[in-house]
């Protein structure tokens, strides 16, 4: 841990166009996503529709498709795309020396 930021691990531990799950005490898991161009995003690992695990979805561009009913969720905002309505909490992420850091306070709020 580094103050306000939680050190989650190396960026290479998140596959390109894939995800990794981080367990947070007392709440839902946080899903880390890495896009094809190497950007990293973090969302609560629950679709706003039927609570499918977004970490098990397909990452394409800057969205993830929920494995349950194909809702597309924007990785940057957590907002459902297209005709669907709903939002999944996001968590600020930053990279430092190849390490992925999550905002501690936002991580706990998103998981609550």
PDB file of N, CA and C in Angstrom:
ATOM      1  N   UNK A   1       0.828  -1.180   0.000  1.00  0.00           N
ATOM      2  CA  UNK A   1       0.000   0.000   0.000  1.00  0.00           C
ATOM      3  C   UNK A   1       0.873   1.245   0.000  1.00  0.00           C
ATOM      4  N   UNK A   2       0.440   2.227  -0.733  1.00  0.00           N
ATOM      5  CA  UNK A   2       1.182   3.478  -0.787  1.00  0.00           C
ATOM      6  C   UNK A   2       0.227   4.636  -0.517  1.00  0.00           C
ATOM      7  N   UNK A   3      -0.072   4.901   0.755  1.00  0.00           N
ATOM      8  CA  UNK A   3      -0.948   6.005   1.113  1.00  0.00           C
ATOM      9  C   UNK A   3      -2.363   5.803   0.628  1.00  0.00           C
ATOM     10  N   UNK A   4      -2.803   6.711  -0.225  1.00  0.00           N
ATOM     11  CA  UNK A   4      -4.165   6.663  -0.749  1.00  0.00           C
ATOM     12  C   UNK A   4      -4.340   5.603  -1.828  1.00  0.00           C
ATOM     13  N   UNK A   5      -3.266   5.021  -2.297  1.00  0.00           N
ATOM     14  CA  UNK A   5      -3.326   4.094  -3.425  1.00  0.00           C
ATOM     15  C   UNK A   5      -2.946   2.692  -2.990  1.00  0.00           C
ATOM     16  N   UNK A   6      -3.707   1.712  -3.453  1.00  0.00           N
ATOM     17  CA  UNK A   6      -3.420   0.299  -3.216  1.00  0.00           C
ATOM     18  C   UNK A   6      -2.620  -0.243  -4.391  1.00  0.00           C
ATOM     19  N   UNK A   7      -1.477  -0.837  -4.118  1.00  0.00           N
ATOM     20  CA  UNK A   7      -0.653  -1.457  -5.154  1.00  0.00           C
ATOM     21  C   UNK A   7      -1.243  -2.832  -5.436  1.00  0.00           C
ATOM     22  N   UNK A   8      -1.758  -3.002  -6.636  1.00  0.00           N
ATOM     23  CA  UNK A   8      -2.450  -4.233  -7.013  1.00  0.00           C
ATOM     24  C   UNK A   8      -1.506  -5.251  -7.656  1.00  0.00           C
ATOM     25  N   UNK A   9      -0.473  -4.785  -8.327  1.00  0.00           N
ATOM     26  CA  UNK A   9       0.461  -5.698  -8.976  1.00  0.00           C
ATOM     27  C   UNK A   9       0.935  -5.145 -10.301  1.00  0.00           C
ATOM     28  N   UNK A  10       1.650  -5.981 -11.034  1.00  0.00           N
ATOM     29  CA  UNK A  10       2.203  -5.584 -12.334  1.00  0.00           C
ATOM     30  C   UNK A  10       1.115  -5.519 -13.386  1.00  0.00           C
ATOM     31  N   UNK A  11       1.243  -4.573 -14.297  1.00  0.00           N
ATOM     32  CA  UNK A  11       0.270  -4.439 -15.389  1.00  0.00           C
ATOM     33  C   UNK A  11       0.224  -5.716 -16.234  1.00  0.00           C
ATOM     34  N   UNK A  12       1.350  -6.399 -16.383  1.00  0.00           N
ATOM     35  CA  UNK A  12       1.391  -7.627 -17.188  1.00  0.00           C
ATOM     36  C   UNK A  12       0.592  -8.769 -16.566  1.00  0.00           C
ATOM     37  N   UNK A  13       0.173  -8.624 -15.308  1.00  0.00           N
ATOM     38  CA  UNK A  13      -0.652  -9.649 -14.661  1.00  0.00           C
ATOM     39  C   UNK A  13      -2.117  -9.558 -15.107  1.00  0.00           C
ATOM     40  N   UNK A  14      -2.436  -8.498 -15.841  1.00  0.00           N
ATOM     41  CA  UNK A  14      -3.775  -8.361 -16.429  1.00  0.00           C
ATOM     42  C   UNK A  14      -3.609  -8.611 -17.923  1.00  0.00           C
ATOM     43  N   UNK A  15      -4.222  -9.658 -18.457  1.00  0.00           N
ATOM     44  CA  UNK A  15      -4.030  -9.953 -19.882  1.00  0.00           C
ATOM     45  C   UNK A  15      -4.620  -8.867 -20.779  1.00  0.00           C
ATOM     46  N   UNK A  16      -3.983  -8.647 -21.930  1.00  0.00           N
ATOM     47  CA  UNK A  16      -4.558  -7.739 -22.919  1.00  0.00           C
ATOM     48  C   UNK A  16      -5.953  -8.232 -23.291  1.00  0.00           C
ATOM     49  N   UNK A  17      -6.903  -7.292 -23.369  1.00  0.00           N
ATOM     50  CA  UNK A  17      -8.302  -7.610 -23.664  1.00  0.00           C
ATOM     51  C   UNK A  17      -8.860  -8.630 -22.674  1.00  0.00           C
ATOM     52  N   UNK A  18      -8.403  -8.521 -21.428  1.00  0.00           N
ATOM     53  CA  UNK A  18      -8.847  -9.435 -20.382  1.00  0.00           C
ATOM     54  C   UNK A  18      -9.021  -8.723 -19.055  1.00  0.00           C
ATOM     55  N   UNK A  19      -9.131  -9.519 -17.993  1.00  0.00           N
ATOM     56  CA  UNK A  19      -9.402  -8.940 -16.682  1.00  0.00           C
ATOM     57  C   UNK A  19      -8.703  -9.722 -15.575  1.00  0.00           C
ATOM     58  N   UNK A  20      -8.725  -9.119 -14.427  1.00  0.00           N
ATOM     59  CA  UNK A  20      -8.234  -9.728 -13.187  1.00  0.00           C
ATOM     60  C   UNK A  20      -9.146  -9.232 -12.077  1.00  0.00           C
ATOM     61  N   UNK A  21      -9.457 -10.068 -11.107  1.00  0.00           N
ATOM     62  CA  UNK A  21     -10.344  -9.699 -10.008  1.00  0.00           C
ATOM     63  C   UNK A  21      -9.529  -9.453  -8.748  1.00  0.00           C
ATOM     64  N   UNK A  22      -9.892  -8.380  -8.044  1.00  0.00           N
ATOM     65  CA  UNK A  22      -9.281  -8.048  -6.771  1.00  0.00           C
ATOM     66  C   UNK A  22     -10.366  -8.142  -5.710  1.00  0.00           C
ATOM     67  N   UNK A  23     -10.106  -8.895  -4.664  1.00  0.00           N
ATOM     68  CA  UNK A  23     -11.083  -9.017  -3.587  1.00  0.00           C
ATOM     69  C   UNK A  23     -10.886  -7.886  -2.590  1.00  0.00           C
ATOM     70  N   UNK A  24     -12.016  -7.273  -2.207  1.00  0.00           N
ATOM     71  CA  UNK A  24     -12.005  -6.169  -1.263  1.00  0.00           C
ATOM     72  C   UNK A  24     -12.757  -6.604  -0.013  1.00  0.00           C
ATOM     73  N   UNK A  25     -12.162  -6.356   1.140  1.00  0.00           N
ATOM     74  CA  UNK A  25     -12.812  -6.732   2.398  1.00  0.00           C
ATOM     75  C   UNK A  25     -14.175  -6.078   2.528  1.00  0.00           C
ATOM     76  N   UNK A  26     -15.181  -6.882   2.898  1.00  0.00           N
ATOM     77  CA  UNK A  26     -16.494  -6.366   3.213  1.00  0.00           C
ATOM     78  C   UNK A  26     -17.341  -5.918   2.045  1.00  0.00           C
ATOM     79  N   UNK A  27     -17.050  -6.349   0.841  1.00  0.00           N
ATOM     80  CA  UNK A  27     -17.870  -5.897  -0.284  1.00  0.00           C
ATOM     81  C   UNK A  27     -17.677  -6.734  -1.515  1.00  0.00           C
ATOM     82  N   UNK A  28     -18.178  -6.213  -2.619  1.00  0.00           N
ATOM     83  CA  UNK A  28     -18.044  -6.882  -3.905  1.00  0.00           C
ATOM     84  C   UNK A  28     -16.603  -6.802  -4.402  1.00  0.00           C
ATOM     85  N   UNK A  29     -16.278  -7.691  -5.306  1.00  0.00           N
ATOM     86  CA  UNK A  29     -14.957  -7.676  -5.922  1.00  0.00           C
ATOM     87  C   UNK A  29     -14.840  -6.512  -6.906  1.00  0.00           C
ATOM     88  N   UNK A  30     -13.600  -6.113  -7.165  1.00  0.00           N
ATOM     89  CA  UNK A  30     -13.280  -5.101  -8.155  1.00  0.00           C
ATOM     90  C   UNK A  30     -12.627  -5.818  -9.331  1.00  0.00           C
ATOM     91  N   UNK A  31     -13.105  -5.537 -10.544  1.00  0.00           N
ATOM     92  CA  UNK A  31     -12.535  -6.128 -11.758  1.00  0.00           C
ATOM     93  C   UNK A  31     -11.626  -5.101 -12.422  1.00  0.00           C
ATOM     94  N   UNK A  32     -10.409  -5.507 -12.709  1.00  0.00           N
ATOM     95  CA  UNK A  32      -9.457  -4.695 -13.458  1.00  0.00           C
ATOM     96  C   UNK A  32      -9.470  -5.182 -14.894  1.00  0.00           C
ATOM     97  N   UNK A  33      -9.563  -4.259 -15.836  1.00  0.00           N
ATOM     98  CA  UNK A  33      -9.601  -4.596 -17.251  1.00  0.00           C
ATOM     99  C   UNK A  33      -8.439  -3.932 -17.960  1.00  0.00           C
ATOM    100  N   UNK A  34      -7.868  -4.630 -18.933  1.00  0.00           N
ATOM    101  CA  UNK A  34      -6.798  -4.071 -19.765  1.00  0.00           C
ATOM    102  C   UNK A  34      -7.239  -4.173 -21.218  1.00  0.00           C
ATOM    103  N   UNK A  35      -7.320  -3.025 -21.870  1.00  0.00           N
ATOM    104  CA  UNK A  35      -7.773  -2.984 -23.262  1.00  0.00           C
ATOM    105  C   UNK A  35      -6.645  -3.409 -24.196  1.00  0.00           C
ATOM    106  N   UNK A  36      -6.985  -3.598 -25.449  1.00  0.00           N
ATOM    107  CA  UNK A  36      -6.002  -3.994 -26.452  1.00  0.00           C
ATOM    108  C   UNK A  36      -4.872  -2.998 -26.618  1.00  0.00           C
ATOM    109  N   UNK A  37      -5.146  -1.723 -26.329  1.00  0.00           N
ATOM    110  CA  UNK A  37      -4.086  -0.714 -26.436  1.00  0.00           C
ATOM    111  C   UNK A  37      -3.400  -0.446 -25.098  1.00  0.00           C
ATOM    112  N   UNK A  38      -3.654  -1.303 -24.098  1.00  0.00           N
ATOM    113  CA  UNK A  38      -2.922  -1.252 -22.839  1.00  0.00           C
ATOM    114  C   UNK A  38      -3.490  -0.349 -21.756  1.00  0.00           C
ATOM    115  N   UNK A  39      -4.643   0.279 -21.993  1.00  0.00           N
ATOM    116  CA  UNK A  39      -5.250   1.087 -20.941  1.00  0.00           C
ATOM    117  C   UNK A  39      -5.822   0.172 -19.857  1.00  0.00           C
ATOM    118  N   UNK A  40      -5.812   0.649 -18.613  1.00  0.00           N
ATOM    119  CA  UNK A  40      -6.324  -0.138 -17.497  1.00  0.00           C
ATOM    120  C   UNK A  40      -7.486   0.611 -16.844  1.00  0.00           C
ATOM    121  N   UNK A  41      -8.560  -0.130 -16.555  1.00  0.00           N
ATOM    122  CA  UNK A  41      -9.754   0.415 -15.920  1.00  0.00           C
ATOM    123  C   UNK A  41     -10.159  -0.512 -14.777  1.00  0.00           C
ATOM    124  N   UNK A  42     -10.895   0.034 -13.815  1.00  0.00           N
ATOM    125  CA  UNK A  42     -11.403  -0.769 -12.705  1.00  0.00           C
ATOM    126  C   UNK A  42     -12.871  -0.458 -12.469  1.00  0.00           C
ATOM    127  N   UNK A  43     -13.669  -1.515 -12.307  1.00  0.00           N
ATOM    128  CA  UNK A  43     -15.111  -1.413 -12.064  1.00  0.00           C
ATOM    129  C   UNK A  43     -15.501  -2.412 -10.989  1.00  0.00           C
ATOM    130  N   UNK A  44     -16.625  -2.135 -10.322  1.00  0.00           N
ATOM    131  CA  UNK A  44     -17.196  -3.169  -9.464  1.00  0.00           C
ATOM    132  C   UNK A  44     -17.511  -4.347 -10.374  1.00  0.00           C
ATOM    133  N   UNK A  45     -17.246  -5.546  -9.915  1.00  0.00           N
ATOM    134  CA  UNK A  45     -17.408  -6.745 -10.748  1.00  0.00           C
ATOM    135  C   UNK A  45     -18.857  -7.221 -10.758  1.00  0.00           C
ATOM    136  N   UNK A  46     -19.785  -6.289 -11.046  1.00  0.00           N
ATOM    137  CA  UNK A  46     -21.211  -6.620 -11.112  1.00  0.00           C
ATOM    138  C   UNK A  46     -21.876  -5.782 -12.188  1.00  0.00           C
ATOM    139  N   UNK A  47     -22.532  -6.433 -13.099  1.00  0.00           N
ATOM    140  CA  UNK A  47     -23.314  -5.726 -14.107  1.00  0.00           C
ATOM    141  C   UNK A  47     -24.513  -5.069 -13.418  1.00  0.00           C
ATOM    142  N   UNK A  48     -24.889  -3.843 -13.827  1.00  0.00           N
ATOM    143  CA  UNK A  48     -26.026  -3.193 -13.193  1.00  0.00           C
ATOM    144  C   UNK A  48     -27.368  -3.860 -13.521  1.00  0.00           C
ATOM    145  N   UNK A  49     -27.395  -4.756 -14.480  1.00  0.00           N
ATOM    146  CA  UNK A  49     -28.635  -5.401 -14.906  1.00  0.00           C
ATOM    147  C   UNK A  49     -29.010  -6.550 -13.979  1.00  0.00           C
ATOM    148  N   UNK A  50     -28.287  -7.653 -14.063  1.00  0.00           N
ATOM    149  CA  UNK A  50     -28.592  -8.842 -13.265  1.00  0.00           C
ATOM    150  C   UNK A  50     -27.378  -9.305 -12.470  1.00  0.00           C
ATOM    151  N   UNK A  51     -26.455  -8.411 -12.254  1.00  0.00           N
ATOM    152  CA  UNK A  51     -25.278  -8.633 -11.410  1.00  0.00           C
ATOM    153  C   UNK A  51     -24.329  -9.713 -11.930  1.00  0.00           C
ATOM    154  N   UNK A  52     -24.290  -9.903 -13.243  1.00  0.00           N
ATOM    155  CA  UNK A  52     -23.315 -10.817 -13.822  1.00  0.00           C
ATOM    156  C   UNK A  52     -21.902 -10.332 -13.543  1.00  0.00           C
ATOM    157  N   UNK A  53     -20.968 -11.249 -13.481  1.00  0.00           N
ATOM    158  CA  UNK A  53     -19.566 -10.909 -13.206  1.00  0.00           C
ATOM    159  C   UNK A  53     -18.933 -10.357 -14.483  1.00  0.00           C
ATOM    160  N   UNK A  54     -18.721  -9.047 -14.498  1.00  0.00           N
ATOM    161  CA  UNK A  54     -18.144  -8.405 -15.676  1.00  0.00           C
ATOM    162  C   UNK A  54     -16.760  -8.948 -15.997  1.00  0.00           C
ATOM    163  N   UNK A  55     -16.039  -9.408 -14.986  1.00  0.00           N
ATOM    164  CA  UNK A  55     -14.699  -9.959 -15.206  1.00  0.00           C
ATOM    165  C   UNK A  55     -14.730 -11.196 -16.099  1.00  0.00           C
ATOM    166  N   UNK A  56     -15.878 -11.813 -16.245  1.00  0.00           N
ATOM    167  CA  UNK A  56     -16.022 -12.986 -17.100  1.00  0.00           C
ATOM    168  C   UNK A  56     -16.528 -12.621 -18.492  1.00  0.00           C
ATOM    169  N   UNK A  57     -16.688 -11.316 -18.735  1.00  0.00           N
ATOM    170  CA  UNK A  57     -17.176 -10.841 -20.019  1.00  0.00           C
ATOM    171  C   UNK A  57     -16.064 -10.681 -21.037  1.00  0.00           C
ATOM    172  N   UNK A  58     -16.450 -10.208 -22.207  1.00  0.00           N
ATOM    173  CA  UNK A  58     -15.508 -10.012 -23.309  1.00  0.00           C
ATOM    174  C   UNK A  58     -15.177  -8.530 -23.413  1.00  0.00           C
ATOM    175  N   UNK A  59     -13.873  -8.217 -23.395  1.00  0.00           N
ATOM    176  CA  UNK A  59     -13.409  -6.842 -23.548  1.00  0.00           C
ATOM    177  C   UNK A  59     -13.210  -6.569 -25.029  1.00  0.00           C
ATOM    178  N   UNK A  60     -13.836  -5.497 -25.521  1.00  0.00           N
ATOM    179  CA  UNK A  60     -13.668  -5.096 -26.920  1.00  0.00           C
ATOM    180  C   UNK A  60     -13.636  -3.579 -26.942  1.00  0.00           C
ATOM    181  N   UNK A  61     -12.553  -3.051 -27.472  1.00  0.00           N
ATOM    182  CA  UNK A  61     -12.366  -1.599 -27.430  1.00  0.00           C
ATOM    183  C   UNK A  61     -12.313  -1.144 -25.989  1.00  0.00           C
ATOM    184  N   UNK A  62     -13.130  -0.149 -25.665  1.00  0.00           N
ATOM    185  CA  UNK A  62     -13.180   0.389 -24.300  1.00  0.00           C
ATOM    186  C   UNK A  62     -14.462  -0.020 -23.588  1.00  0.00           C
ATOM    187  N   UNK A  63     -14.996  -1.205 -23.945  1.00  0.00           N
ATOM    188  CA  UNK A  63     -16.189  -1.723 -23.281  1.00  0.00           C
ATOM    189  C   UNK A  63     -15.986  -3.186 -22.901  1.00  0.00           C
ATOM    190  N   UNK A  64     -16.846  -3.648 -21.996  1.00  0.00           N
ATOM    191  CA  UNK A  64     -16.896  -5.064 -21.652  1.00  0.00           C
ATOM    192  C   UNK A  64     -18.342  -5.509 -21.821  1.00  0.00           C
ATOM    193  N   UNK A  65     -18.539  -6.706 -22.358  1.00  0.00           N
ATOM    194  CA  UNK A  65     -19.877  -7.255 -22.536  1.00  0.00           C
ATOM    195  C   UNK A  65     -20.148  -8.249 -21.419  1.00  0.00           C
ATOM    196  N   UNK A  66     -21.244  -8.032 -20.701  1.00  0.00           N
ATOM    197  CA  UNK A  66     -21.613  -8.918 -19.600  1.00  0.00           C
ATOM    198  C   UNK A  66     -21.899 -10.323 -20.145  1.00  0.00           C
ATOM    199  N   UNK A  67     -21.423 -11.353 -19.452  1.00  0.00           N
ATOM    200  CA  UNK A  67     -21.636 -12.720 -19.941  1.00  0.00           C
ATOM    201  C   UNK A  67     -23.073 -13.216 -19.794  1.00  0.00           C
ATOM    202  N   UNK A  68     -23.907 -12.550 -18.990  1.00  0.00           N
ATOM    203  CA  UNK A  68     -25.272 -13.043 -18.786  1.00  0.00           C
ATOM    204  C   UNK A  68     -26.240 -12.646 -19.902  1.00  0.00           C
ATOM    205  N   UNK A  69     -26.322 -11.348 -20.197  1.00  0.00           N
ATOM    206  CA  UNK A  69     -27.327 -10.889 -21.161  1.00  0.00           C
ATOM    207  C   UNK A  69     -26.773  -9.904 -22.177  1.00  0.00           C
ATOM    208  N   UNK A  70     -25.454  -9.915 -22.353  1.00  0.00           N
ATOM    209  CA  UNK A  70     -24.779  -9.114 -23.383  1.00  0.00           C
ATOM    210  C   UNK A  70     -24.911  -7.604 -23.223  1.00  0.00           C
ATOM    211  N   UNK A  71     -25.137  -7.130 -22.016  1.00  0.00           N
ATOM    212  CA  UNK A  71     -25.093  -5.683 -21.806  1.00  0.00           C
ATOM    213  C   UNK A  71     -23.661  -5.229 -22.026  1.00  0.00           C
ATOM    214  N   UNK A  72     -23.492  -4.102 -22.712  1.00  0.00           N
ATOM    215  CA  UNK A  72     -22.165  -3.520 -22.935  1.00  0.00           C
ATOM    216  C   UNK A  72     -21.968  -2.379 -21.943  1.00  0.00           C
ATOM    217  N   UNK A  73     -20.858  -2.435 -21.209  1.00  0.00           N
ATOM    218  CA  UNK A  73     -20.552  -1.453 -20.178  1.00  0.00           C
ATOM    219  C   UNK A  73     -19.277  -0.709 -20.571  1.00  0.00           C
ATOM    220  N   UNK A  74     -19.352   0.631 -20.589  1.00  0.00           N
ATOM    221  CA  UNK A  74     -18.166   1.447 -20.882  1.00  0.00           C
ATOM    222  C   UNK A  74     -17.180   1.328 -19.727  1.00  0.00           C
ATOM    223  N   UNK A  75     -15.944   0.991 -20.038  1.00  0.00           N
ATOM    224  CA  UNK A  75     -14.946   0.807 -18.982  1.00  0.00           C
ATOM    225  C   UNK A  75     -14.587   2.112 -18.284  1.00  0.00           C
ATOM    226  N   UNK A  76     -14.587   3.228 -18.991  1.00  0.00           N
ATOM    227  CA  UNK A  76     -14.193   4.507 -18.396  1.00  0.00           C
ATOM    228  C   UNK A  76     -15.252   5.069 -17.449  1.00  0.00           C
ATOM    229  N   UNK A  77     -16.535   4.860 -17.776  1.00  0.00           N
ATOM    230  CA  UNK A  77     -17.609   5.474 -16.990  1.00  0.00           C
ATOM    231  C   UNK A  77     -18.456   4.485 -16.198  1.00  0.00           C
ATOM    232  N   UNK A  78     -18.444   3.215 -16.584  1.00  0.00           N
ATOM    233  CA  UNK A  78     -19.310   2.220 -15.964  1.00  0.00           C
ATOM    234  C   UNK A  78     -20.734   2.249 -16.484  1.00  0.00           C
ATOM    235  N   UNK A  79     -21.023   3.140 -17.447  1.00  0.00           N
ATOM    236  CA  UNK A  79     -22.365   3.309 -17.984  1.00  0.00           C
ATOM    237  C   UNK A  79     -22.707   2.217 -19.002  1.00  0.00           C
ATOM    238  N   UNK A  80     -23.956   1.728 -18.913  1.00  0.00           N
ATOM    239  CA  UNK A  80     -24.453   0.800 -19.919  1.00  0.00           C
ATOM    240  C   UNK A  80     -24.563   1.544 -21.253  1.00  0.00           C
ATOM    241  N   UNK A  81     -24.314   0.842 -22.340  1.00  0.00           N
ATOM    242  CA  UNK A  81     -24.300   1.437 -23.675  1.00  0.00           C
ATOM    243  C   UNK A  81     -25.543   1.033 -24.457  1.00  0.00           C
ATOM    244  N   UNK A  82     -25.839   1.786 -25.516  1.00  0.00           N
ATOM    245  CA  UNK A  82     -26.969   1.474 -26.384  1.00  0.00           C
ATOM    246  C   UNK A  82     -28.292   1.736 -25.688  1.00  0.00           C
ATOM    247  N   UNK A  83     -29.238   0.835 -25.871  1.00  0.00           N
ATOM    248  CA  UNK A  83     -30.583   0.974 -25.316  1.00  0.00           C
ATOM    249  C   UNK A  83     -30.640   0.706 -23.813  1.00  0.00           C
ATOM    250  N   UNK A  84     -29.636   0.026 -23.276  1.00  0.00           N
ATOM    251  CA  UNK A  84     -29.650  -0.368 -21.876  1.00  0.00           C
ATOM    252  C   UNK A  84     -29.361   0.825 -20.966  1.00  0.00           C
ATOM    253  N   UNK A  85     -29.886   0.777 -19.745  1.00  0.00           N
ATOM    254  CA  UNK A  85     -29.687   1.855 -18.782  1.00  0.00           C
ATOM    255  C   UNK A  85     -29.197   1.262 -17.461  1.00  0.00           C
ATOM    256  N   UNK A  86     -28.201   1.896 -16.880  1.00  0.00           N
ATOM    257  CA  UNK A  86     -27.643   1.475 -15.602  1.00  0.00           C
ATOM    258  C   UNK A  86     -26.176   1.844 -15.543  1.00  0.00           C
ATOM    259  N   UNK A  87     -25.613   1.762 -14.361  1.00  0.00           N
ATOM    260  CA  UNK A  87     -24.215   2.146 -14.183  1.00  0.00           C
ATOM    261  C   UNK A  87     -23.567   1.283 -13.114  1.00  0.00           C
ATOM    262  N   UNK A  88     -22.333   0.916 -13.358  1.00  0.00           N
ATOM    263  CA  UNK A  88     -21.508   0.185 -12.408  1.00  0.00           C
ATOM    264  C   UNK A  88     -20.460   1.152 -11.863  1.00  0.00           C
ATOM    265  N   UNK A  89     -20.238   1.189 -10.550  1.00  0.00           N
ATOM    266  CA  UNK A  89     -19.227   2.106 -10.008  1.00  0.00           C
ATOM    267  C   UNK A  89     -17.832   1.828 -10.573  1.00  0.00           C
ATOM    268  N   UNK A  90     -17.120   2.908 -10.856  1.00  0.00           N
ATOM    269  CA  UNK A  90     -15.744   2.815 -11.329  1.00  0.00           C
ATOM    270  C   UNK A  90     -14.790   3.163 -10.184  1.00  0.00           C
ATOM    271  N   UNK A  91     -13.537   2.781 -10.348  1.00  0.00           N
ATOM    272  CA  UNK A  91     -12.489   3.075  -9.371  1.00  0.00           C
ATOM    273  C   UNK A  91     -11.317   3.710 -10.118  1.00  0.00           C
ATOM    274  N   UNK A  92     -10.825   4.863  -9.653  1.00  0.00           N
ATOM    275  CA  UNK A  92      -9.657   5.463 -10.303  1.00  0.00           C
ATOM    276  C   UNK A  92      -8.448   4.532 -10.266  1.00  0.00           C
ATOM    277  N   UNK A  93      -7.728   4.496 -11.386  1.00  0.00           N
ATOM    278  CA  UNK A  93      -6.547   3.661 -11.556  1.00  0.00           C
ATOM    279  C   UNK A  93      -5.405   4.550 -12.022  1.00  0.00           C
ATOM    280  N   UNK A  94      -4.197   4.260 -11.547  1.00  0.00           N
ATOM    281  CA  UNK A  94      -3.031   4.899 -12.142  1.00  0.00           C
ATOM    282  C   UNK A  94      -1.917   3.865 -12.239  1.00  0.00           C
ATOM    283  N   UNK A  95      -1.017   4.110 -13.183  1.00  0.00           N
ATOM    284  CA  UNK A  95       0.124   3.236 -13.392  1.00  0.00           C
ATOM    285  C   UNK A  95       1.372   3.955 -12.912  1.00  0.00           C
ATOM    286  N   UNK A  96       2.244   3.218 -12.253  1.00  0.00           N
ATOM    287  CA  UNK A  96       3.489   3.784 -11.756  1.00  0.00           C
ATOM    288  C   UNK A  96       4.584   2.725 -11.862  1.00  0.00           C
ATOM    289  N   UNK A  97       5.533   2.959 -12.766  1.00  0.00           N
ATOM    290  CA  UNK A  97       6.626   2.007 -12.929  1.00  0.00           C
ATOM    291  C   UNK A  97       6.171   0.614 -13.300  1.00  0.00           C
ATOM    292  N   UNK A  98       5.100   0.514 -14.089  1.00  0.00           N
ATOM    293  CA  UNK A  98       4.593  -0.800 -14.487  1.00  0.00           C
ATOM    294  C   UNK A  98       3.678  -1.445 -13.461  1.00  0.00           C
ATOM    295  N   UNK A  99       3.436  -0.756 -12.337  1.00  0.00           N
ATOM    296  CA  UNK A  99       2.545  -1.258 -11.289  1.00  0.00           C
ATOM    297  C   UNK A  99       1.175  -0.608 -11.437  1.00  0.00           C
ATOM    298  N   UNK A 100       0.130  -1.360 -11.119  1.00  0.00           N
ATOM    299  CA  UNK A 100      -1.241  -0.863 -11.160  1.00  0.00           C
ATOM    300  C   UNK A 100      -1.642  -0.454  -9.749  1.00  0.00           C
ATOM    301  N   UNK A 101      -2.122   0.783  -9.617  1.00  0.00           N
ATOM    302  CA  UNK A 101      -2.551   1.301  -8.323  1.00  0.00           C
ATOM    303  C   UNK A 101      -4.020   1.687  -8.388  1.00  0.00           C
ATOM    304  N   UNK A 102      -4.779   1.319  -7.345  1.00  0.00           N
ATOM    305  CA  UNK A 102      -6.191   1.680  -7.244  1.00  0.00           C
ATOM    306  C   UNK A 102      -6.370   2.669  -6.111  1.00  0.00           C
ATOM    307  N   UNK A 103      -7.275   3.622  -6.300  1.00  0.00           N
ATOM    308  CA  UNK A 103      -7.603   4.584  -5.263  1.00  0.00           C
ATOM    309  C   UNK A 103      -8.267   3.838  -4.099  1.00  0.00           C
ATOM    310  N   UNK A 104      -7.659   3.895  -2.938  1.00  0.00           N
ATOM    311  CA  UNK A 104      -8.150   3.139  -1.771  1.00  0.00           C
ATOM    312  C   UNK A 104      -9.581   3.536  -1.409  1.00  0.00           C
ATOM    313  N   UNK A 105      -9.861   4.808  -1.224  1.00  0.00           N
ATOM    314  CA  UNK A 105     -11.182   5.255  -0.790  1.00  0.00           C
ATOM    315  C   UNK A 105     -12.248   4.885  -1.819  1.00  0.00           C
ATOM    316  N   UNK A 106     -11.962   5.079  -3.104  1.00  0.00           N
ATOM    317  CA  UNK A 106     -12.928   4.745  -4.151  1.00  0.00           C
ATOM    318  C   UNK A 106     -13.145   3.237  -4.248  1.00  0.00           C
ATOM    319  N   UNK A 107     -12.115   2.465  -4.002  1.00  0.00           N
ATOM    320  CA  UNK A 107     -12.238   1.008  -4.037  1.00  0.00           C
ATOM    321  C   UNK A 107     -13.220   0.541  -2.978  1.00  0.00           C
ATOM    322  N   UNK A 108     -13.103   1.082  -1.784  1.00  0.00           N
ATOM    323  CA  UNK A 108     -13.996   0.682  -0.698  1.00  0.00           C
ATOM    324  C   UNK A 108     -15.428   1.145  -0.959  1.00  0.00           C
ATOM    325  N   UNK A 109     -15.614   2.337  -1.507  1.00  0.00           N
ATOM    326  CA  UNK A 109     -16.965   2.827  -1.826  1.00  0.00           C
ATOM    327  C   UNK A 109     -17.610   1.973  -2.923  1.00  0.00           C
ATOM    328  N   UNK A 110     -16.846   1.652  -3.957  1.00  0.00           N
ATOM    329  CA  UNK A 110     -17.390   0.869  -5.073  1.00  0.00           C
ATOM    330  C   UNK A 110     -17.781  -0.533  -4.637  1.00  0.00           C
ATOM    331  N   UNK A 111     -17.046  -1.072  -3.682  1.00  0.00           N
ATOM    332  CA  UNK A 111     -17.302  -2.442  -3.250  1.00  0.00           C
ATOM    333  C   UNK A 111     -18.420  -2.520  -2.220  1.00  0.00           C
ATOM    334  N   UNK A 112     -18.825  -1.405  -1.663  1.00  0.00           N
ATOM    335  CA  UNK A 112     -19.857  -1.417  -0.602  1.00  0.00           C
ATOM    336  C   UNK A 112     -21.240  -1.685  -1.167  1.00  0.00           C
TER     337      UNK A 112
END
